[in-house]
C-alpha atoms as a PDB file:
ATOM      1  CA  MET A   1      11.217 -10.392  36.863  1.00  0.00           C
ATOM      2  CA  ILE A   2      14.210  -8.334  34.921  1.00  0.00           C
ATOM      3  CA  LYS A   3      12.575  -9.535  31.889  1.00  0.00           C
ATOM      4  CA  LYS A   4       9.274  -8.389  32.674  1.00  0.00           C
ATOM      5  CA  SER A   5      10.167  -5.036  33.917  1.00  0.00           C
ATOM      6  CA  PHE A   6      12.397  -4.839  30.825  1.00  0.00           C
ATOM      7  CA  SER A   7       9.020  -5.716  28.367  1.00  0.00           C
ATOM      8  CA  SER A   8       7.202  -2.971  30.730  1.00  0.00           C
ATOM      9  CA  THR A   9       9.662  -0.341  29.799  1.00  0.00           C
ATOM     10  CA  GLY A  10       9.516  -1.050  26.355  1.00  0.00           C
ATOM     11  CA  ILE A  11       5.793  -1.219  26.312  1.00  0.00           C
ATOM     12  CA  PHE A  12       5.688   2.631  28.322  1.00  0.00           C
ATOM     13  CA  PHE A  13       7.906   3.490  25.436  1.00  0.00           C
ATOM     14  CA  LEU A  14       6.849   2.407  22.819  1.00  0.00           C
ATOM     15  CA  ASN A  15       3.107   3.823  23.688  1.00  0.00           C
ATOM     16  CA  PHE A  16       4.913   7.040  23.947  1.00  0.00           C
ATOM     17  CA  LEU A  17       6.781   7.208  20.525  1.00  0.00           C
ATOM     18  CA  SER A  18       3.119   6.450  19.070  1.00  0.00           C
ATOM     19  CA  LEU A  19       1.926   9.548  20.448  1.00  0.00           C
ATOM     20  CA  LEU A  20       3.898  11.324  17.900  1.00  0.00           C
ATOM     21  CA  PRO A  21       2.880  13.059  14.400  1.00  0.00           C
ATOM     22  CA  THR A  22       2.840  10.791  11.731  1.00  0.00           C
ATOM     23  CA  SER A  23       5.123  13.064   9.676  1.00  0.00           C
ATOM     24  CA  LEU A  24       7.763  12.803  12.667  1.00  0.00           C
ATOM     25  CA  LEU A  25       7.306   9.026  12.735  1.00  0.00           C
ATOM     26  CA  TYR A  26       8.607   8.714   9.075  1.00  0.00           C
ATOM     27  CA  PHE A  27      11.503  11.288   9.594  1.00  0.00           C
ATOM     28  CA  PHE A  28      12.634   9.091  12.296  1.00  0.00           C
ATOM     29  CA  ALA A  29      11.907   5.672   9.600  1.00  0.00           C
ATOM     30  CA  ALA A  30      13.815   7.441   7.471  1.00  0.00           C
ATOM     31  CA  LEU A  31      16.942   7.684   9.939  1.00  0.00           C
ATOM     32  CA  LEU A  32      16.921   4.383  11.129  1.00  0.00           C
ATOM     33  CA  TYR A  33      17.350   2.618   7.800  1.00  0.00           C
ATOM     34  CA  TYR A  34      20.900   3.781   7.732  1.00  0.00           C
ATOM     35  CA  PRO A  35      21.642   1.681  10.944  1.00  0.00           C
ATOM     36  CA  LEU A  36      19.439  -1.125  10.023  1.00  0.00           C
ATOM     37  CA  TYR A  37      20.589  -1.794   6.803  1.00  0.00           C
ATOM     38  CA  TYR A  38      24.386  -0.349   7.012  1.00  0.00           C
ATOM     39  CA  ILE A  39      25.574  -0.958  10.120  1.00  0.00           C
ATOM     40  CA  LEU A  40      23.375  -4.046  11.994  1.00  0.00           C
ATOM     41  CA  GLY A  41      22.307  -5.525   8.884  1.00  0.00           C
ATOM     42  CA  TYR A  42      19.339  -6.705  10.300  1.00  0.00           C
ATOM     43  CA  ARG A  43      18.565 -10.559   8.701  1.00  0.00           C
ATOM     44  CA  LYS A  44      20.246  -8.676   5.284  1.00  0.00           C
ATOM     45  CA  LYS A  45      21.514 -12.610   4.880  1.00  0.00           C
ATOM     46  CA  VAL A  46      17.990 -13.863   4.873  1.00  0.00           C
ATOM     47  CA  VAL A  47      16.792 -10.692   2.626  1.00  0.00           C
ATOM     48  CA  ARG A  48      19.478 -11.085  -0.077  1.00  0.00           C
ATOM     49  CA  GLN A  49      19.026 -14.814  -0.475  1.00  0.00           C
ATOM     50  CA  ASN A  50      15.721 -14.679  -0.378  1.00  0.00           C
ATOM     51  CA  LEU A  51      15.568 -12.408  -2.996  1.00  0.00           C
ATOM     52  CA  VAL A  52      18.185 -13.882  -4.909  1.00  0.00           C
ATOM     53  CA  ASN A  53      16.493 -17.419  -5.405  1.00  0.00           C
ATOM     54  CA  SER A  54      13.147 -15.416  -5.700  1.00  0.00           C
ATOM     55  CA  PHE A  55      13.924 -13.175  -9.235  1.00  0.00           C
ATOM     56  CA  PRO A  56      17.098 -15.556 -10.370  1.00  0.00           C
ATOM     57  CA  GLN A  57      16.575 -13.590 -14.017  1.00  0.00           C
ATOM     58  CA  LYS A  58      17.826 -10.370 -11.870  1.00  0.00           C
ATOM     59  CA  SER A  59      20.995  -9.054 -12.032  1.00  0.00           C
ATOM     60  CA  ILE A  60      23.045  -8.417  -8.357  1.00  0.00           C
ATOM     61  CA  GLU A  61      22.442  -4.521  -8.614  1.00  0.00           C
ATOM     62  CA  GLU A  62      18.764  -5.005  -9.443  1.00  0.00           C
ATOM     63  CA  ILE A  63      18.342  -7.197  -6.512  1.00  0.00           C
ATOM     64  CA  ILE A  64      20.285  -4.598  -4.282  1.00  0.00           C
ATOM     65  CA  LYS A  65      17.838  -1.956  -5.384  1.00  0.00           C
ATOM     66  CA  ILE A  66      14.842  -4.086  -3.941  1.00  0.00           C
ATOM     67  CA  GLU A  67      16.878  -4.962  -1.284  1.00  0.00           C
ATOM     68  CA  LYS A  68      17.459  -1.341  -0.264  1.00  0.00           C
ATOM     69  CA  ALA A  69      13.865  -0.446  -1.305  1.00  0.00           C
ATOM     70  CA  TYR A  70      12.592  -3.136   1.132  1.00  0.00           C
ATOM     71  CA  TYR A  71      14.206  -1.922   4.154  1.00  0.00           C
ATOM     72  CA  ARG A  72      12.840   1.840   3.811  1.00  0.00           C
ATOM     73  CA  HIS A  73       9.782  -0.150   3.493  1.00  0.00           C
ATOM     74  CA  PHE A  74      10.430  -2.070   6.527  1.00  0.00           C
ATOM     75  CA  THR A  75      11.372   1.020   8.629  1.00  0.00           C
ATOM     76  CA  ARG A  76       8.491   2.721   7.929  1.00  0.00           C
ATOM     77  CA  LEU A  77       6.124  -0.579   8.767  1.00  0.00           C
ATOM     78  CA  VAL A  78       7.764  -0.419  11.901  1.00  0.00           C
ATOM     79  CA  LEU A  79       6.878   2.645  13.171  1.00  0.00           C
ATOM     80  CA  GLU A  80       3.002   2.334  10.992  1.00  0.00           C
ATOM     81  CA  THR A  81       2.850  -0.956  13.644  1.00  0.00           C
ATOM     82  CA  ILE A  82       3.331   1.491  16.587  1.00  0.00           C
ATOM     83  CA  LYS A  83       1.272   4.153  15.388  1.00  0.00           C
ATOM     84  CA  MET A  84      -1.691   1.566  15.670  1.00  0.00           C
ATOM     85  CA  ALA A  85      -1.509   2.042  19.670  1.00  0.00           C
ATOM     86  CA  SER A  86      -2.951   5.550  19.589  1.00  0.00           C
ATOM     87  CA  ILE A  87      -3.671   6.097  15.697  1.00  0.00           C
ATOM     88  CA  SER A  88      -7.430   7.727  15.200  1.00  0.00           C
ATOM     89  CA  GLU A  89     -10.662   6.412  13.182  1.00  0.00           C
ATOM     90  CA  SER A  90     -10.694   9.259  10.854  1.00  0.00           C
ATOM     91  CA  GLU A  91      -6.726   8.986  10.246  1.00  0.00           C
ATOM     92  CA  LEU A  92      -6.894   5.288   9.443  1.00  0.00           C
ATOM     93  CA  LYS A  93      -9.739   5.215   7.224  1.00  0.00           C
ATOM     94  CA  LYS A  94      -8.144   8.496   5.801  1.00  0.00           C
ATOM     95  CA  ARG A  95      -4.594   6.598   5.229  1.00  0.00           C
ATOM     96  CA  VAL A  96      -6.625   3.025   4.001  1.00  0.00           C
ATOM     97  CA  LYS A  97      -8.989   2.701   1.225  1.00  0.00           C
ATOM     98  CA  PHE A  98     -10.725  -0.239   0.258  1.00  0.00           C
ATOM     99  CA  ASN A  99     -11.838  -0.475  -3.270  1.00  0.00           C
ATOM    100  CA  ASN A 100     -14.662  -3.001  -5.119  1.00  0.00           C
ATOM    101  CA  LEU A 101     -16.626  -3.522  -1.386  1.00  0.00           C
ATOM    102  CA  GLN A 102     -19.516  -4.367  -3.377  1.00  0.00           C
ATOM    103  CA  ILE A 103     -18.294  -8.017  -4.205  1.00  0.00           C
ATOM    104  CA  VAL A 104     -17.924  -8.281  -0.319  1.00  0.00           C
ATOM    105  CA  GLU A 105     -21.265  -6.313   0.282  1.00  0.00           C
ATOM    106  CA  GLN A 106     -23.202  -8.347  -2.270  1.00  0.00           C
ATOM    107  CA  HIS A 107     -22.685 -11.704   0.173  1.00  0.00           C
ATOM    108  CA  VAL A 108     -23.431  -9.542   3.118  1.00  0.00           C
ATOM    109  CA  LYS A 109     -26.822  -8.822   1.661  1.00  0.00           C
ATOM    110  CA  ASN A 110     -27.363 -12.321   0.893  1.00  0.00           C
ATOM    111  CA  GLY A 111     -26.500 -13.295   4.417  1.00  0.00           C
ATOM    112  CA  GLN A 112     -23.436 -15.065   3.382  1.00  0.00           C
ATOM    113  CA  SER A 113     -20.734 -15.304   5.962  1.00  0.00           C
ATOM    114  CA  ILE A 114     -17.455 -14.939   4.312  1.00  0.00           C
ATOM    115  CA  LEU A 115     -13.833 -16.463   4.360  1.00  0.00           C
ATOM    116  CA  ALA A 116     -11.176 -13.669   3.458  1.00  0.00           C
ATOM    117  CA  CYS A 117      -7.184 -13.455   2.964  1.00  0.00           C
ATOM    118  CA  THR A 118      -4.320 -11.808   2.306  1.00  0.00           C
ATOM    119  CA  GLY A 119      -0.806 -11.857   2.285  1.00  0.00           C
ATOM    120  CA  HIS A 120       2.225 -10.203   4.541  1.00  0.00           C
ATOM    121  CA  TYR A 121       2.188  -6.913   2.099  1.00  0.00           C
ATOM    122  CA  CYS A 122       2.490  -3.617   2.537  1.00  0.00           C
ATOM    123  CA  ASN A 123       1.085  -3.098   5.873  1.00  0.00           C
ATOM    124  CA  TRP A 124      -1.452  -5.748   6.186  1.00  0.00           C
ATOM    125  CA  GLU A 125      -1.988  -4.615  10.106  1.00  0.00           C
ATOM    126  CA  TRP A 126      -3.421  -1.556   9.136  1.00  0.00           C
ATOM    127  CA  GLY A 127      -5.573  -3.109   6.648  1.00  0.00           C
ATOM    128  CA  MET A 128      -6.757  -5.435   9.291  1.00  0.00           C
ATOM    129  CA  LEU A 129      -7.408  -3.123  11.686  1.00  0.00           C
ATOM    130  CA  ALA A 130      -9.458  -0.984   8.918  1.00  0.00           C
ATOM    131  CA  LEU A 131     -11.558  -3.692   8.034  1.00  0.00           C
ATOM    132  CA  SER A 132     -13.977  -3.588  11.063  1.00  0.00           C
ATOM    133  CA  LEU A 133     -14.219   0.338  10.510  1.00  0.00           C
ATOM    134  CA  THR A 134     -15.402  -0.407   6.895  1.00  0.00           C
ATOM    135  CA  LEU A 135     -17.391  -3.775   6.227  1.00  0.00           C
ATOM    136  CA  CYS A 136     -20.744  -4.636   8.982  1.00  0.00           C
ATOM    137  CA  PRO A 137     -19.358  -8.634  10.058  1.00  0.00           C
ATOM    138  CA  GLN A 138     -17.896  -9.132  12.815  1.00  0.00           C
ATOM    139  CA  SER A 139     -14.444 -10.145  11.378  1.00  0.00           C
ATOM    140  CA  TYR A 140     -12.092 -12.214  13.331  1.00  0.00           C
ATOM    141  CA  VAL A 141      -8.494 -12.315  12.500  1.00  0.00           C
ATOM    142  CA  ILE A 142      -6.550 -15.683  13.026  1.00  0.00           C
ATOM    143  CA  PHE A 143      -3.078 -15.120  14.182  1.00  0.00           C
ATOM    144  CA  LYS A 144       0.105 -16.805  15.731  1.00  0.00           C
ATOM    145  CA  PRO A 145       0.709 -15.358  19.390  1.00  0.00           C
ATOM    146  CA  ILE A 146       3.531 -13.735  20.494  1.00  0.00           C
ATOM    147  CA  ASN A 147       5.868 -15.481  22.892  1.00  0.00           C
ATOM    148  CA  ASN A 148       6.247 -12.438  25.093  1.00  0.00           C
ATOM    149  CA  GLU A 149       3.031 -12.500  26.903  1.00  0.00           C
ATOM    150  CA  LEU A 150       3.343  -8.307  27.591  1.00  0.00           C
ATOM    151  CA  PHE A 151       4.186  -8.052  23.794  1.00  0.00           C
ATOM    152  CA  ASP A 152       1.635 -10.251  22.987  1.00  0.00           C
ATOM    153  CA  SER A 153      -0.873  -8.376  25.087  1.00  0.00           C
ATOM    154  CA  TRP A 154       0.083  -4.862  23.734  1.00  0.00           C
ATOM    155  CA  PHE A 155      -0.529  -6.291  20.199  1.00  0.00           C
ATOM    156  CA  TYR A 156      -3.663  -7.819  20.892  1.00  0.00           C
ATOM    157  CA  LYS A 157      -4.918  -4.624  22.695  1.00  0.00           C
ATOM    158  CA  MET A 158      -3.248  -2.468  19.252  1.00  0.00           C
ATOM    159  CA  ARG A 159      -5.141  -4.918  16.706  1.00  0.00           C
ATOM    160  CA  THR A 160      -8.313  -5.234  18.258  1.00  0.00           C
ATOM    161  CA  ARG A 161      -8.869  -1.161  19.386  1.00  0.00           C
ATOM    162  CA  PHE A 162     -11.757  -0.767  16.401  1.00  0.00           C
ATOM    163  CA  GLY A 163     -13.434  -4.012  16.963  1.00  0.00           C
ATOM    164  CA  ASN A 164     -11.678  -7.100  15.172  1.00  0.00           C
ATOM    165  CA  ARG A 165     -11.521  -9.924  17.504  1.00  0.00           C
ATOM    166  CA  PHE A 166      -8.032 -11.854  16.709  1.00  0.00           C
ATOM    167  CA  ILE A 167      -8.141 -15.305  17.789  1.00  0.00           C
ATOM    168  CA  ALA A 168      -4.916 -17.610  18.093  1.00  0.00           C
ATOM    169  CA  MET A 169      -5.212 -20.332  14.896  1.00  0.00           C
ATOM    170  CA  LYS A 170      -4.910 -23.208  17.054  1.00  0.00           C
ATOM    171  CA  GLN A 171      -8.634 -21.974  18.220  1.00  0.00           C
ATOM    172  CA  THR A 172      -9.916 -21.097  15.010  1.00  0.00           C
ATOM    173  CA  LEU A 173     -12.422 -24.646  14.653  1.00  0.00           C
ATOM    174  CA  ARG A 174     -13.855 -23.662  17.888  1.00  0.00           C
ATOM    175  CA  VAL A 175     -14.360 -20.179  17.362  1.00  0.00           C
ATOM    176  CA  LEU A 176     -15.978 -20.824  13.952  1.00  0.00           C
ATOM    177  CA  ALA A 177     -18.772 -23.901  15.519  1.00  0.00           C
ATOM    178  CA  SER A 178     -19.567 -20.947  18.302  1.00  0.00           C
ATOM    179  CA  THR A 179     -20.277 -18.396  15.784  1.00  0.00           C
ATOM    180  CA  ARG A 180     -22.153 -20.807  12.769  1.00  0.00           C
ATOM    181  CA  ASN A 181     -25.554 -19.012  13.293  1.00  0.00           C
ATOM    182  CA  GLU A 182     -23.643 -15.341  13.541  1.00  0.00           C
ATOM    183  CA  LEU A 183     -22.692 -13.382  10.093  1.00  0.00           C
ATOM    184  CA  THR A 184     -19.061 -13.546  10.284  1.00  0.00           C
ATOM    185  CA  MET A 185     -15.901 -12.793   8.318  1.00  0.00           C
ATOM    186  CA  PHE A 186     -12.743 -15.034   9.191  1.00  0.00           C
ATOM    187  CA  CYS A 187      -9.685 -13.443   8.210  1.00  0.00           C
ATOM    188  CA  PHE A 188      -5.926 -15.282   7.004  1.00  0.00           C
ATOM    189  CA  ALA A 189      -2.720 -14.339   6.588  1.00  0.00           C
ATOM    190  CA  ASN A 190      -2.402 -16.961   4.255  1.00  0.00           C
ATOM    191  CA  ASP A 191       0.912 -16.950   3.434  1.00  0.00           C
ATOM    192  CA  GLN A 192       2.676 -17.961   6.642  1.00  0.00           C
ATOM    193  CA  THR A 193       5.223 -20.856   7.166  1.00  0.00           C
ATOM    194  CA  PRO A 194       3.566 -24.128   8.132  1.00  0.00           C
ATOM    195  CA  VAL A 195       5.744 -26.299  11.363  1.00  0.00           C
ATOM    196  CA  GLY A 196       7.528 -28.791   9.372  1.00  0.00           C
ATOM    197  CA  HIS A 197       5.986 -32.025  10.861  1.00  0.00           C
ATOM    198  CA  GLU A 198       2.169 -30.651   9.549  1.00  0.00           C
ATOM    199  CA  ILE A 199       3.143 -29.867   6.341  1.00  0.00           C
ATOM    200  CA  GLN A 200       0.754 -31.288   3.507  1.00  0.00           C
ATOM    201  CA  TYR A 201       1.343 -29.486   0.309  1.00  0.00           C
ATOM    202  CA  TRP A 202       4.085 -27.680  -1.313  1.00  0.00           C
ATOM    203  CA  LEU A 203       3.536 -25.509  -4.224  1.00  0.00           C
ATOM    204  CA  PRO A 204       5.318 -23.166  -6.838  1.00  0.00           C
ATOM    205  CA  PHE A 205       6.035 -19.785  -5.270  1.00  0.00           C
ATOM    206  CA  LEU A 206       8.687 -16.868  -6.649  1.00  0.00           C
ATOM    207  CA  ASN A 207      10.357 -19.687  -8.322  1.00  0.00           C
ATOM    208  CA  GLN A 208      10.902 -22.188  -5.186  1.00  0.00           C
ATOM    209  CA  ARG A 209       8.858 -25.261  -3.848  1.00  0.00           C
ATOM    210  CA  THR A 210       6.977 -23.959  -1.342  1.00  0.00           C
ATOM    211  CA  PRO A 211       5.102 -25.669   1.639  1.00  0.00           C
ATOM    212  CA  VAL A 212       1.858 -23.893   2.714  1.00  0.00           C
ATOM    213  CA  LEU A 213      -0.961 -23.860   5.023  1.00  0.00           C
ATOM    214  CA  LEU A 214      -4.235 -25.649   3.981  1.00  0.00           C
ATOM    215  CA  GLY A 215      -6.526 -24.403   6.487  1.00  0.00           C
ATOM    216  CA  LEU A 216      -7.982 -21.404   4.465  1.00  0.00           C
ATOM    217  CA  GLU A 217      -9.274 -24.234   2.033  1.00  0.00           C
ATOM    218  CA  LYS A 218     -10.342 -26.919   4.247  1.00  0.00           C
ATOM    219  CA  ILE A 219     -12.493 -24.326   6.286  1.00  0.00           C
ATOM    220  CA  ALA A 220     -13.653 -23.404   2.890  1.00  0.00           C
ATOM    221  CA  LEU A 221     -14.883 -26.452   1.985  1.00  0.00           C
ATOM    222  CA  GLN A 222     -16.305 -27.483   5.612  1.00  0.00           C
ATOM    223  CA  THR A 223     -18.225 -24.419   5.440  1.00  0.00           C
ATOM    224  CA  ASN A 224     -18.404 -23.579   1.793  1.00  0.00           C
ATOM    225  CA  ARG A 225     -18.501 -19.516   2.515  1.00  0.00           C
ATOM    226  CA  PRO A 226     -17.053 -17.274  -0.301  1.00  0.00           C
ATOM    227  CA  VAL A 227     -13.530 -16.840  -0.193  1.00  0.00           C
ATOM    228  CA  ILE A 228     -12.223 -13.039  -1.105  1.00  0.00           C
ATOM    229  CA  TYR A 229      -8.784 -11.986  -1.464  1.00  0.00           C
ATOM    230  CA  PHE A 230      -7.455  -8.119  -0.005  1.00  0.00           C
ATOM    231  CA  LYS A 231      -5.062  -7.097  -2.084  1.00  0.00           C
ATOM    232  CA  MET A 232      -3.100  -4.274  -0.677  1.00  0.00           C
ATOM    233  CA  LYS A 233      -0.884  -2.242  -2.593  1.00  0.00           C
ATOM    234  CA  HIS A 234       1.332   0.996  -1.558  1.00  0.00           C
ATOM    235  CA  ILE A 235       0.465   4.390  -2.948  1.00  0.00           C
ATOM    236  CA  LYS A 236       2.804   6.859  -0.949  1.00  0.00           C
ATOM    237  CA  ASN A 237       4.335   6.998   2.553  1.00  0.00           C
ATOM    238  CA  GLY A 238       1.357   6.283   5.031  1.00  0.00           C
ATOM    239  CA  TYR A 239      -1.283   5.442   2.397  1.00  0.00           C
ATOM    240  CA  TYR A 240      -2.867   2.407   1.261  1.00  0.00           C
ATOM    241  CA  GLU A 241      -5.379   1.184  -1.116  1.00  0.00           C
ATOM    242  CA  VAL A 242      -7.022  -2.769  -0.946  1.00  0.00           C
ATOM    243  CA  ASP A 243      -8.471  -4.070  -3.659  1.00  0.00           C
ATOM    244  CA  CYS A 244     -10.944  -7.175  -3.079  1.00  0.00           C
ATOM    245  CA  GLU A 245     -10.987  -9.855  -5.634  1.00  0.00           C
ATOM    246  CA  THR A 246     -12.986 -13.233  -5.709  1.00  0.00           C
ATOM    247  CA  ILE A 247     -11.291 -16.440  -5.254  1.00  0.00           C
ATOM    248  CA  CYS A 248     -14.306 -18.278  -5.318  1.00  0.00           C
ATOM    249  CA  ASN A 249     -17.961 -18.170  -4.351  1.00  0.00           C
ATOM    250  CA  ASP A 250     -18.658 -21.522  -4.307  1.00  0.00           C
ATOM    251  CA  PRO A 251     -15.981 -23.863  -2.704  1.00  0.00           C
ATOM    252  CA  SER A 252     -17.759 -27.072  -3.771  1.00  0.00           C
ATOM    253  CA  LYS A 253     -16.889 -26.621  -6.975  1.00  0.00           C
ATOM    254  CA  THR A 254     -13.254 -26.142  -6.634  1.00  0.00           C
ATOM    255  CA  THR A 255     -10.599 -29.293  -7.389  1.00  0.00           C
ATOM    256  CA  GLU A 256      -8.050 -29.733  -4.284  1.00  0.00           C
ATOM    257  CA  HIS A 257      -5.693 -27.083  -3.936  1.00  0.00           C
ATOM    258  CA  GLN A 258      -7.499 -24.668  -6.557  1.00  0.00           C
ATOM    259  CA  ILE A 259      -7.913 -22.211  -3.776  1.00  0.00           C
ATOM    260  CA  THR A 260      -4.416 -21.843  -2.294  1.00  0.00           C
ATOM    261  CA  ASP A 261      -2.917 -22.021  -5.563  1.00  0.00           C
ATOM    262  CA  MET A 262      -5.161 -19.114  -6.677  1.00  0.00           C
ATOM    263  CA  SER A 263      -4.216 -17.221  -3.541  1.00  0.00           C
ATOM    264  CA  PHE A 264      -0.611 -17.238  -4.015  1.00  0.00           C
ATOM    265  CA  ASN A 265      -1.125 -17.037  -7.669  1.00  0.00           C
ATOM    266  CA  ILE A 266      -2.933 -13.216  -6.725  1.00  0.00           C
ATOM    267  CA  LEU A 267       0.137 -12.725  -3.722  1.00  0.00           C
ATOM    268  CA  GLU A 268       3.193 -13.773  -6.463  1.00  0.00           C
ATOM    269  CA  ASN A 269       1.729 -11.431  -9.103  1.00  0.00           C
ATOM    270  CA  MET A 270       1.326  -8.831  -6.517  1.00  0.00           C
ATOM    271  CA  ILE A 271       5.271  -9.277  -5.412  1.00  0.00           C
ATOM    272  CA  ASN A 272       6.511  -9.556  -8.870  1.00  0.00           C
ATOM    273  CA  GLU A 273       4.371  -5.895  -9.712  1.00  0.00           C
ATOM    274  CA  ASN A 274       6.205  -3.975  -6.642  1.00  0.00           C
ATOM    275  CA  PRO A 275       8.286  -6.618  -4.780  1.00  0.00           C
ATOM    276  CA  ALA A 276      10.037  -4.115  -2.045  1.00  0.00           C
ATOM    277  CA  TYR A 277       6.665  -4.651   0.129  1.00  0.00           C
ATOM    278  CA  TRP A 278       6.606  -8.110   1.029  1.00  0.00           C
ATOM    279  CA  LEU A 279       8.123  -9.196   4.155  1.00  0.00           C
ATOM    280  CA  TRP A 280      11.734 -10.662   2.918  1.00  0.00           C
ATOM    281  CA  SER A 281      13.168 -10.746   6.282  1.00  0.00           C
ATOM    282  CA  HIS A 282      11.122 -13.981   7.073  1.00  0.00           C
ATOM    283  CA  ARG A 283      12.707 -17.032   7.005  1.00  0.00           C
ATOM    284  CA  ARG A 284       9.670 -18.257   4.400  1.00  0.00           C
ATOM    285  CA  TRP A 285      11.967 -21.337   2.782  1.00  0.00           C
ATOM    286  CA  LYS A 286      13.646 -22.781   6.054  1.00  0.00           C
ATOM    287  CA  HIS A 287      12.348 -26.129   5.424  1.00  0.00           C
ATOM    288  CA  ASN A 288      14.214 -28.640   2.726  1.00  0.00           C
ATOM    289  CA  LYS A 289      12.333 -28.909  -0.469  1.00  0.00           C
ATOM    290  CA  HIS A 290      12.921 -32.878   0.012  1.00  0.00           C
ATOM    291  CA  GLU A 291      10.654 -33.172   2.976  1.00  0.00           C
ATOM    292  CA  ASN A 292       7.417 -34.477   3.444  1.00  0.00           C
ATOM    293  CA  ALA A 293       7.415 -34.325  -0.332  1.00  0.00           C
ATOM    294  CA  GLY A 294       4.258 -35.213  -1.878  1.00  0.00           C
END
């Protein structure tokens, strides 16, 4: 009961915070950076180790520079995510622009459903929220539910405000089957870490042997839907652009793991170009490189 009351109070505070002007939220984000980085050191060991392992050619001074830039981005990301509870359609459209949409629109014109993927890069939450305001197919976003039911419900309500539908990862195949006669787009965050016993494939990513999910590729091969990557980039505080890039138009003509490899190559190039905007505080390499080798 105490935990539930605390969660309800937290959600009330977050909803109140979301009503503040965006400029004020960025001011708070700039202040939050200092205690988060210098005092609390939130997951600082994880971030440092991830950066050192990912960029072995960089000096410690370069690593620390990226690290600090990441924490500045992370504090903005936290408050931008909170802002999702109240942001208007017009403001979101102004802040998230999509490029090369003709790539997607041509498939829609041809009556083809689509598979799309992205990574935890820049503000992927805003990107998915803006998606339903930009493209006409019904969008289904695959996600992992949060353990806390109240916060999971709060996030779900925010994420679906403008028409997106979020479905738990375990329900993907069921929803695919039930919507097979509809024009849809299923969206995957393809860089999540698989559960240890479910690891089937490892690939080289950021100078490390990395276990990856194969769900996107398996569904692409089963449905033969074209696969698109949404490449998000940071323009300035609170403003992003998303480039659409084709991974494949005909999955049946791809080789084994080609779709997965291509999606991670795109993400790796984005990270190498601007490393501060990926989710470095996630324990992406928590599995031993020797387990499930194959």
